[in-house]
Each structure stands twice: as C-alpha cells, then as structure tokens.
C-alpha cells in the first residue's frame, strides 16, 4: 500500500513549511482572529436562547393561560424576542453583542410586567416572570461586559482591512 502521508519531499515536516510559505497566510490568520474575536461568551448564547424558549412556553407550563390572557401574549412575544437575540448572538456575535443591553432591558421589563400587563397575578406567575427577568438581566450583563471588553459596539473591528490607512474622517491618508 502506498503511504499518502508523505509529501513530495518525502517528510511530514515539509508539509508545514509549505503552509508557512502560503501567500494568503497573513490574511487567513487575520480572518481567524476576527472570527474568534467575538466569542468571549460562547456559553451565554445558548442560555439566552433557552431562556427565551421557556419564557414563550411558560404560560402553558404553569397553566396561567386562562387566568392571565394578557400575560400569555406578552410572555410569548418577549420569549420569541429573547430566543431571536440568542440565535443572533450565536450566528453573528460581533454584530449582536451591541444588542446585549436589549436583553437587560427585556429582563427588567419581565420583572415588572406581571403588575403592569397582568391583572392580579398570583405568586407563581410573579415568581416565573421575576426569575426569567433576573436571568435575562444577568445574561445580558455578561454579554454586555464581553462586548465592552472586545472593543465596544464595533466588536473589536477597528483595525481591520476596511479601516486600515484611513484618517480621522474615514478618508484615505
């Protein structure tokens, strides 16, 4: 059988030398760094998504669909919005981390919503929304901290090829 692991020079070490001489190596490294640059909080996007899903189905889980019809619609809409933000953070973290403050705002709204949207909510409904809201605020703050750490709303893209060589007003030097 032939040994396919050998390169044309006959050793494996030459394969690494071939990649070191690749003409697009600096661009590939920059792209790799840019892609991974926004993934400081890789474990937050899934909990935000799952929290949104639970928020959307919580009226049926806790059986307050008949006693609080306004909160049913409210939790469904807010839950879908949280899930979409979680998916957005997963798909494009450098663009979506700027919206992490929206997760905090939605969490704060979820805490007060039973008294504003609902009519005489019982303890289970209040605790459900307060827990969902508190978790949303915490997860949103974690995302916001990661966004600020990686360069603010720009997502750490200030030194990319698109802005390289440009002066104060964005014009070429």
Foldseek 3Di string as FASTA:
>chain_A
DDDPCADPVGDNVVVVVVQVPDPCVVVVVVVVCLVCLLCPPVPLLVVQLVLLVCQLCVCVVVVCCPVWVQSNVVSNVLSVVSNVLSVVCVVPVLQSLLCLVVLLVSLVCLQCVCVVRGDPDDPVSNVSSNVSSVVSNVSSVVSNVSCVVCPHSNSVCCPDPCQPQADDVSHHD
